[in-house]
Amino acid sequence: MNYVVDTRKIVKALLFKKQQGNCAECKRPLDVKYGLRYFTSLEYGGTETYDNVELIHVQCGNAGTKQKRTVKAWVLQKGGKKPQEIAQELGMSLSTVIRYLKTE
């Protein structure tokens, strides 16, 4: 007999356990509507592997996409500043700014 293994479900189950059932962005418990966020997006060569993804609420992902665009637009407009200065001016955490800069 041949079995089809859905590795995405396995990765999600492992991440759910690793994150103790909480969203990686807001740290609240995950509900029915959650998905994967990639550290390196698939379009930039990222993979659907355990070390490249985290679980987040859908609404946190939407907010994150908006923040990422804000960071990229700021860098394009003003450029040349340190991540600490960008975080301070945009009112974001340093780790968030650094994560978004790495995915450019």
C-alpha atoms as a PDB file:
ATOM      1  CA  MET A   1       0.000   0.000   0.000  1.00  0.00           C
ATOM      2  CA  ASN A   2       1.134   3.540  -0.761  1.00  0.00           C
ATOM      3  CA  TYR A   3       0.511   6.282   1.758  1.00  0.00           C
ATOM      4  CA  VAL A   4       0.556   9.998   1.090  1.00  0.00           C
ATOM      5  CA  VAL A   5       2.207  11.979   3.872  1.00  0.00           C
ATOM      6  CA  ASP A   6       1.180  15.608   4.249  1.00  0.00           C
ATOM      7  CA  THR A   7       4.418  17.109   5.551  1.00  0.00           C
ATOM      8  CA  ARG A   8       2.783  20.521   5.995  1.00  0.00           C
ATOM      9  CA  LYS A   9       0.425  19.039   8.614  1.00  0.00           C
ATOM     10  CA  ILE A  10       3.358  17.410  10.385  1.00  0.00           C
ATOM     11  CA  VAL A  11       5.297  20.696  10.419  1.00  0.00           C
ATOM     12  CA  LYS A  12       2.229  22.532  11.778  1.00  0.00           C
ATOM     13  CA  ALA A  13       1.777  19.949  14.538  1.00  0.00           C
ATOM     14  CA  LEU A  14       5.450  20.181  15.546  1.00  0.00           C
ATOM     15  CA  LEU A  15       5.348  23.977  15.546  1.00  0.00           C
ATOM     16  CA  PHE A  16       2.129  24.004  17.567  1.00  0.00           C
ATOM     17  CA  LYS A  17       3.874  21.952  20.233  1.00  0.00           C
ATOM     18  CA  LYS A  18       7.084  24.025  20.072  1.00  0.00           C
ATOM     19  CA  GLN A  19       5.143  27.295  20.390  1.00  0.00           C
ATOM     20  CA  GLN A  20       2.940  25.797  23.134  1.00  0.00           C
ATOM     21  CA  GLY A  21      -0.162  26.594  21.110  1.00  0.00           C
ATOM     22  CA  ASN A  22       0.558  30.342  20.962  1.00  0.00           C
ATOM     23  CA  CYS A  23       0.881  32.776  18.071  1.00  0.00           C
ATOM     24  CA  ALA A  24       4.518  33.688  17.363  1.00  0.00           C
ATOM     25  CA  GLU A  25       3.537  37.338  16.806  1.00  0.00           C
ATOM     26  CA  CYS A  26       1.106  38.265  19.606  1.00  0.00           C
ATOM     27  CA  LYS A  27       1.760  35.296  21.945  1.00  0.00           C
ATOM     28  CA  ARG A  28      -1.990  34.664  22.440  1.00  0.00           C
ATOM     29  CA  PRO A  29      -3.415  31.148  22.033  1.00  0.00           C
ATOM     30  CA  LEU A  30      -3.923  30.081  18.431  1.00  0.00           C
ATOM     31  CA  ASP A  31      -7.517  29.609  17.368  1.00  0.00           C
ATOM     32  CA  VAL A  32      -9.000  27.895  14.329  1.00  0.00           C
ATOM     33  CA  LYS A  33      -7.745  30.586  11.911  1.00  0.00           C
ATOM     34  CA  TYR A  34      -3.978  30.400  11.880  1.00  0.00           C
ATOM     35  CA  GLY A  35      -1.343  29.813   9.289  1.00  0.00           C
ATOM     36  CA  LEU A  36       2.348  29.710   8.536  1.00  0.00           C
ATOM     37  CA  ARG A  37       4.668  32.699   8.328  1.00  0.00           C
ATOM     38  CA  TYR A  38       7.971  32.191   6.556  1.00  0.00           C
ATOM     39  CA  PHE A  39      11.240  33.709   7.773  1.00  0.00           C
ATOM     40  CA  THR A  40      12.463  33.568   4.183  1.00  0.00           C
ATOM     41  CA  SER A  41       9.504  33.639   1.827  1.00  0.00           C
ATOM     42  CA  LEU A  42       9.076  30.947  -0.805  1.00  0.00           C
ATOM     43  CA  GLU A  43       9.556  33.502  -3.585  1.00  0.00           C
ATOM     44  CA  TYR A  44      13.044  34.245  -2.209  1.00  0.00           C
ATOM     45  CA  GLY A  45      14.099  30.611  -1.956  1.00  0.00           C
ATOM     46  CA  GLY A  46      12.611  29.784   1.438  1.00  0.00           C
ATOM     47  CA  THR A  47      11.283  26.320   2.173  1.00  0.00           C
ATOM     48  CA  GLU A  48       8.312  24.848   3.992  1.00  0.00           C
ATOM     49  CA  THR A  49      10.581  23.331   6.599  1.00  0.00           C
ATOM     50  CA  TYR A  50      10.385  23.449  10.365  1.00  0.00           C
ATOM     51  CA  ASP A  51      13.271  25.922  10.690  1.00  0.00           C
ATOM     52  CA  ASN A  52      11.814  28.440   8.215  1.00  0.00           C
ATOM     53  CA  VAL A  53       8.252  28.833   9.478  1.00  0.00           C
ATOM     54  CA  GLU A  54       6.239  29.795  12.531  1.00  0.00           C
ATOM     55  CA  LEU A  55       2.530  29.710  13.327  1.00  0.00           C
ATOM     56  CA  ILE A  56       0.582  32.952  13.557  1.00  0.00           C
ATOM     57  CA  HIS A  57      -3.037  34.130  13.584  1.00  0.00           C
ATOM     58  CA  VAL A  58      -4.336  35.168  10.175  1.00  0.00           C
ATOM     59  CA  GLN A  59      -4.964  38.703  11.478  1.00  0.00           C
ATOM     60  CA  CYS A  60      -1.400  38.915  12.861  1.00  0.00           C
ATOM     61  CA  GLY A  61      -0.086  37.876   9.452  1.00  0.00           C
ATOM     62  CA  ASN A  62      -2.095  40.604   7.750  1.00  0.00           C
ATOM     63  CA  ALA A  63      -0.777  43.193  10.218  1.00  0.00           C
ATOM     64  CA  GLY A  64       2.752  41.858   9.720  1.00  0.00           C
ATOM     65  CA  THR A  65       2.505  42.242   5.957  1.00  0.00           C
ATOM     66  CA  LYS A  66       1.451  45.863   6.416  1.00  0.00           C
ATOM     67  CA  GLN A  67       4.356  46.464   8.839  1.00  0.00           C
ATOM     68  CA  LYS A  68       6.812  44.817   6.454  1.00  0.00           C
ATOM     69  CA  ARG A  69       5.685  47.095   3.624  1.00  0.00           C
ATOM     70  CA  THR A  70       5.975  50.093   5.966  1.00  0.00           C
ATOM     71  CA  VAL A  71       9.569  49.183   6.879  1.00  0.00           C
ATOM     72  CA  LYS A  72      10.545  48.630   3.246  1.00  0.00           C
ATOM     73  CA  ALA A  73       8.917  51.905   2.149  1.00  0.00           C
ATOM     74  CA  TRP A  74      10.693  53.776   4.956  1.00  0.00           C
ATOM     75  CA  VAL A  75      14.068  52.314   3.974  1.00  0.00           C
ATOM     76  CA  LEU A  76      13.501  53.197   0.309  1.00  0.00           C
ATOM     77  CA  GLN A  77      12.443  56.728   1.197  1.00  0.00           C
ATOM     78  CA  LYS A  78      15.046  57.580   3.862  1.00  0.00           C
ATOM     79  CA  GLY A  79      17.643  54.817   3.544  1.00  0.00           C
ATOM     80  CA  GLY A  80      20.949  54.497   5.324  1.00  0.00           C
ATOM     81  CA  LYS A  81      19.713  54.390   8.919  1.00  0.00           C
ATOM     82  CA  LYS A  82      20.434  51.790  11.559  1.00  0.00           C
ATOM     83  CA  PRO A  83      17.699  49.254  12.409  1.00  0.00           C
ATOM     84  CA  GLN A  84      17.456  50.768  15.927  1.00  0.00           C
ATOM     85  CA  GLU A  85      16.614  54.170  14.445  1.00  0.00           C
ATOM     86  CA  ILE A  86      14.057  52.664  12.067  1.00  0.00           C
ATOM     87  CA  ALA A  87      12.381  50.776  14.935  1.00  0.00           C
ATOM     88  CA  GLN A  88      12.244  53.885  17.091  1.00  0.00           C
ATOM     89  CA  GLU A  89      10.826  56.125  14.355  1.00  0.00           C
ATOM     90  CA  LEU A  90       8.211  53.554  13.281  1.00  0.00           C
ATOM     91  CA  GLY A  91       7.330  52.476  16.840  1.00  0.00           C
ATOM     92  CA  MET A  92       8.177  48.809  16.184  1.00  0.00           C
ATOM     93  CA  SER A  93      10.324  46.345  18.057  1.00  0.00           C
ATOM     94  CA  LEU A  94      13.916  46.028  16.899  1.00  0.00           C
ATOM     95  CA  SER A  95      13.497  42.294  16.260  1.00  0.00           C
ATOM     96  CA  THR A  96      10.500  42.973  13.977  1.00  0.00           C
ATOM     97  CA  VAL A  97      12.427  45.552  11.943  1.00  0.00           C
ATOM     98  CA  ILE A  98      15.454  43.267  11.624  1.00  0.00           C
ATOM     99  CA  ARG A  99      13.263  40.347  10.513  1.00  0.00           C
ATOM    100  CA  TYR A 100      11.618  42.501   7.825  1.00  0.00           C
ATOM    101  CA  LEU A 101      14.953  43.886   6.622  1.00  0.00           C
ATOM    102  CA  LYS A 102      16.339  40.364   6.231  1.00  0.00           C
ATOM    103  CA  THR A 103      13.441  39.393   3.946  1.00  0.00           C
ATOM    104  CA  GLU A 104      14.037  42.171   1.431  1.00  0.00           C
END
